[in-house]
Amino acid sequence: MLHRSRAEVVGALLTVIRSDGVATAEADVVTAALQRFAPANVDFADAWLAARATHLGHGVASFDRALNTTSPGKTD
């Protein structure tokens, strides 16, 4: 089994998302979610939900302190 850091995985995924010929639904939200996911101890699903909420202009509230520290426009 190959072991990669979150940063390596995120870097590879961002390369794919930004590649010509690859269409990603809500690429800006997915990119923001990956950027939240990489440095913090949060699940990708939580990072995506926070990025989506921020994209829609909503604050983010969570019991997950790691998610709150990565969320611009957060509410605690």
N, C-alpha and C. Protein backbone atom coordinates (compact mmCIF):
# COMPACT_ATOMS: atom_id res chain seq x y z
N MET A 1 0.84 -1.17 0.00
CA MET A 1 0.00 0.00 0.00
C MET A 1 0.89 1.24 0.00
N LEU A 2 0.54 2.21 -0.79
CA LEU A 2 1.30 3.45 -0.86
C LEU A 2 0.79 4.42 0.20
N HIS A 3 1.70 5.05 0.89
CA HIS A 3 1.33 6.04 1.89
C HIS A 3 1.76 7.41 1.40
N ARG A 4 0.83 8.32 1.37
CA ARG A 4 1.10 9.68 0.94
C ARG A 4 0.54 10.64 1.97
N SER A 5 1.17 11.78 2.12
CA SER A 5 0.67 12.79 3.04
C SER A 5 -0.55 13.46 2.42
N ARG A 6 -1.31 14.11 3.26
CA ARG A 6 -2.47 14.86 2.75
C ARG A 6 -2.02 15.89 1.72
N ALA A 7 -0.92 16.56 1.99
CA ALA A 7 -0.43 17.58 1.07
C ALA A 7 -0.11 16.99 -0.30
N GLU A 8 0.49 15.80 -0.33
CA GLU A 8 0.80 15.15 -1.60
C GLU A 8 -0.47 14.77 -2.35
N VAL A 9 -1.45 14.24 -1.63
CA VAL A 9 -2.71 13.84 -2.25
C VAL A 9 -3.44 15.06 -2.78
N VAL A 10 -3.49 16.11 -1.98
CA VAL A 10 -4.15 17.34 -2.41
C VAL A 10 -3.45 17.93 -3.63
N GLY A 11 -2.13 17.95 -3.62
CA GLY A 11 -1.38 18.46 -4.76
C GLY A 11 -1.70 17.69 -6.04
N ALA A 12 -1.76 16.38 -5.94
CA ALA A 12 -2.07 15.55 -7.11
C ALA A 12 -3.49 15.81 -7.59
N LEU A 13 -4.44 15.89 -6.66
CA LEU A 13 -5.83 16.14 -7.05
C LEU A 13 -6.01 17.52 -7.67
N LEU A 14 -5.33 18.52 -7.13
CA LEU A 14 -5.41 19.86 -7.72
C LEU A 14 -4.83 19.88 -9.12
N THR A 15 -3.77 19.12 -9.35
CA THR A 15 -3.19 19.03 -10.70
C THR A 15 -4.21 18.44 -11.67
N VAL A 16 -4.90 17.40 -11.25
CA VAL A 16 -5.92 16.78 -12.11
C VAL A 16 -7.07 17.75 -12.37
N ILE A 17 -7.56 18.38 -11.31
CA ILE A 17 -8.70 19.31 -11.45
C ILE A 17 -8.37 20.44 -12.41
N ARG A 18 -7.14 20.91 -12.36
CA ARG A 18 -6.73 22.05 -13.19
C ARG A 18 -6.26 21.66 -14.58
N SER A 19 -6.27 20.38 -14.89
CA SER A 19 -5.79 19.90 -16.18
C SER A 19 -6.79 20.20 -17.29
N ASP A 20 -6.24 20.46 -18.48
CA ASP A 20 -7.08 20.63 -19.66
C ASP A 20 -7.82 19.33 -19.92
N GLY A 21 -9.05 19.43 -20.30
CA GLY A 21 -9.83 18.25 -20.63
C GLY A 21 -10.53 17.62 -19.43
N VAL A 22 -10.33 18.18 -18.25
CA VAL A 22 -11.00 17.66 -17.05
C VAL A 22 -12.05 18.68 -16.62
N ALA A 23 -13.28 18.24 -16.56
CA ALA A 23 -14.37 19.10 -16.10
C ALA A 23 -14.73 18.68 -14.68
N THR A 24 -14.68 19.62 -13.77
CA THR A 24 -15.01 19.35 -12.38
C THR A 24 -16.17 20.24 -11.97
N ALA A 25 -17.25 19.64 -11.54
CA ALA A 25 -18.39 20.43 -11.07
C ALA A 25 -17.95 21.24 -9.86
N GLU A 26 -18.27 22.52 -9.88
CA GLU A 26 -17.93 23.42 -8.79
C GLU A 26 -16.44 23.33 -8.43
N ALA A 27 -15.60 23.45 -9.43
CA ALA A 27 -14.15 23.33 -9.22
C ALA A 27 -13.64 24.29 -8.15
N ASP A 28 -14.22 25.49 -8.08
CA ASP A 28 -13.77 26.44 -7.06
C ASP A 28 -14.09 25.94 -5.65
N VAL A 29 -15.24 25.29 -5.49
CA VAL A 29 -15.62 24.74 -4.18
C VAL A 29 -14.74 23.54 -3.84
N VAL A 30 -14.52 22.68 -4.81
CA VAL A 30 -13.67 21.50 -4.59
C VAL A 30 -12.24 21.94 -4.24
N THR A 31 -11.73 22.94 -4.95
CA THR A 31 -10.40 23.46 -4.67
C THR A 31 -10.32 24.03 -3.26
N ALA A 32 -11.31 24.81 -2.88
CA ALA A 32 -11.34 25.38 -1.52
C ALA A 32 -11.42 24.27 -0.47
N ALA A 33 -12.21 23.25 -0.76
CA ALA A 33 -12.32 22.12 0.19
C ALA A 33 -10.99 21.40 0.34
N LEU A 34 -10.31 21.18 -0.77
CA LEU A 34 -9.00 20.53 -0.70
C LEU A 34 -8.00 21.37 0.08
N GLN A 35 -8.07 22.68 -0.09
CA GLN A 35 -7.17 23.57 0.64
C GLN A 35 -7.47 23.57 2.13
N ARG A 36 -8.73 23.36 2.51
CA ARG A 36 -9.09 23.24 3.93
C ARG A 36 -8.66 21.89 4.48
N PHE A 37 -8.79 20.86 3.65
CA PHE A 37 -8.52 19.49 4.05
C PHE A 37 -7.04 19.24 4.31
N ALA A 38 -6.18 19.80 3.46
CA ALA A 38 -4.74 19.49 3.51
C ALA A 38 -4.09 19.77 4.86
N PRO A 39 -4.23 20.97 5.42
CA PRO A 39 -3.46 21.27 6.63
C PRO A 39 -4.14 20.85 7.94
N ALA A 40 -5.39 20.47 7.87
CA ALA A 40 -6.14 20.24 9.11
C ALA A 40 -6.53 18.77 9.27
N ASN A 41 -6.86 18.42 10.47
CA ASN A 41 -7.32 17.06 10.75
C ASN A 41 -8.84 17.02 10.63
N VAL A 42 -9.32 17.21 9.39
CA VAL A 42 -10.76 17.17 9.13
C VAL A 42 -11.03 16.18 8.00
N ASP A 43 -12.23 15.66 7.99
CA ASP A 43 -12.65 14.79 6.89
C ASP A 43 -12.90 15.64 5.66
N PHE A 44 -12.69 15.06 4.47
CA PHE A 44 -12.92 15.82 3.25
C PHE A 44 -14.37 16.25 3.14
N ALA A 45 -15.31 15.39 3.52
CA ALA A 45 -16.72 15.74 3.43
C ALA A 45 -17.02 17.00 4.25
N ASP A 46 -16.47 17.09 5.44
CA ASP A 46 -16.67 18.28 6.26
C ASP A 46 -16.02 19.50 5.62
N ALA A 47 -14.84 19.32 5.07
CA ALA A 47 -14.16 20.43 4.40
C ALA A 47 -14.96 20.90 3.19
N TRP A 48 -15.56 19.97 2.46
CA TRP A 48 -16.38 20.33 1.29
C TRP A 48 -17.64 21.08 1.73
N LEU A 49 -18.30 20.59 2.77
CA LEU A 49 -19.50 21.27 3.26
C LEU A 49 -19.18 22.69 3.71
N ALA A 50 -18.06 22.87 4.38
CA ALA A 50 -17.65 24.21 4.82
C ALA A 50 -17.33 25.10 3.63
N ALA A 51 -16.63 24.56 2.65
CA ALA A 51 -16.31 25.34 1.44
C ALA A 51 -17.57 25.71 0.68
N ARG A 52 -18.50 24.80 0.59
CA ARG A 52 -19.78 25.06 -0.11
C ARG A 52 -20.57 26.14 0.61
N ALA A 53 -20.65 26.05 1.94
CA ALA A 53 -21.37 27.06 2.73
C ALA A 53 -20.74 28.43 2.53
N THR A 54 -19.42 28.49 2.58
CA THR A 54 -18.72 29.76 2.38
C THR A 54 -18.97 30.30 0.98
N HIS A 55 -18.95 29.42 -0.01
CA HIS A 55 -19.22 29.81 -1.40
C HIS A 55 -20.60 30.43 -1.54
N LEU A 56 -21.55 29.94 -0.78
CA LEU A 56 -22.92 30.44 -0.82
C LEU A 56 -23.12 31.66 0.08
N GLY A 57 -22.05 32.08 0.77
CA GLY A 57 -22.13 33.26 1.61
C GLY A 57 -22.60 33.00 3.02
N HIS A 58 -22.57 31.75 3.42
CA HIS A 58 -23.00 31.38 4.77
C HIS A 58 -21.78 31.19 5.67
N GLY A 59 -21.98 31.40 6.94
CA GLY A 59 -20.94 31.10 7.91
C GLY A 59 -20.86 29.60 8.14
N VAL A 60 -19.84 29.20 8.83
CA VAL A 60 -19.64 27.79 9.13
C VAL A 60 -19.61 27.62 10.64
N ALA A 61 -20.43 26.73 11.14
CA ALA A 61 -20.42 26.40 12.56
C ALA A 61 -20.21 24.90 12.69
N SER A 62 -19.31 24.52 13.58
CA SER A 62 -19.01 23.10 13.73
C SER A 62 -18.48 22.85 15.13
N PHE A 63 -18.74 21.65 15.62
CA PHE A 63 -18.14 21.23 16.87
C PHE A 63 -16.69 20.78 16.64
N ASP A 64 -16.31 20.63 15.39
CA ASP A 64 -14.96 20.22 15.02
C ASP A 64 -14.03 21.43 15.02
N ARG A 65 -13.25 21.58 16.06
CA ARG A 65 -12.38 22.77 16.18
C ARG A 65 -11.39 22.87 15.02
N ALA A 66 -10.92 21.75 14.52
CA ALA A 66 -9.99 21.78 13.38
C ALA A 66 -10.66 22.38 12.16
N LEU A 67 -11.92 22.07 11.95
CA LEU A 67 -12.65 22.64 10.81
C LEU A 67 -12.86 24.13 11.03
N ASN A 68 -13.21 24.52 12.22
CA ASN A 68 -13.43 25.95 12.50
C ASN A 68 -12.18 26.77 12.26
N THR A 69 -11.02 26.22 12.53
CA THR A 69 -9.79 26.99 12.35
C THR A 69 -9.39 27.10 10.88
N THR A 70 -10.01 26.33 10.00
CA THR A 70 -9.67 26.40 8.57
C THR A 70 -10.75 27.11 7.77
N SER A 71 -11.76 27.63 8.43
CA SER A 71 -12.93 28.17 7.74
C SER A 71 -12.96 29.68 7.73
N PRO A 72 -12.69 30.30 6.58
CA PRO A 72 -12.87 31.74 6.49
C PRO A 72 -14.35 32.06 6.66
N GLY A 73 -14.67 33.14 7.31
CA GLY A 73 -16.07 33.50 7.51
C GLY A 73 -16.74 32.59 8.52
N LYS A 74 -15.95 31.96 9.35
CA LYS A 74 -16.48 30.98 10.29
C LYS A 74 -17.30 31.62 11.39
N THR A 75 -18.14 30.82 12.00
CA THR A 75 -18.80 31.21 13.22
C THR A 75 -18.56 30.09 14.20
N ASP A 76 -18.27 30.41 15.44
CA ASP A 76 -17.98 29.36 16.42
C ASP A 76 -19.20 29.01 17.23
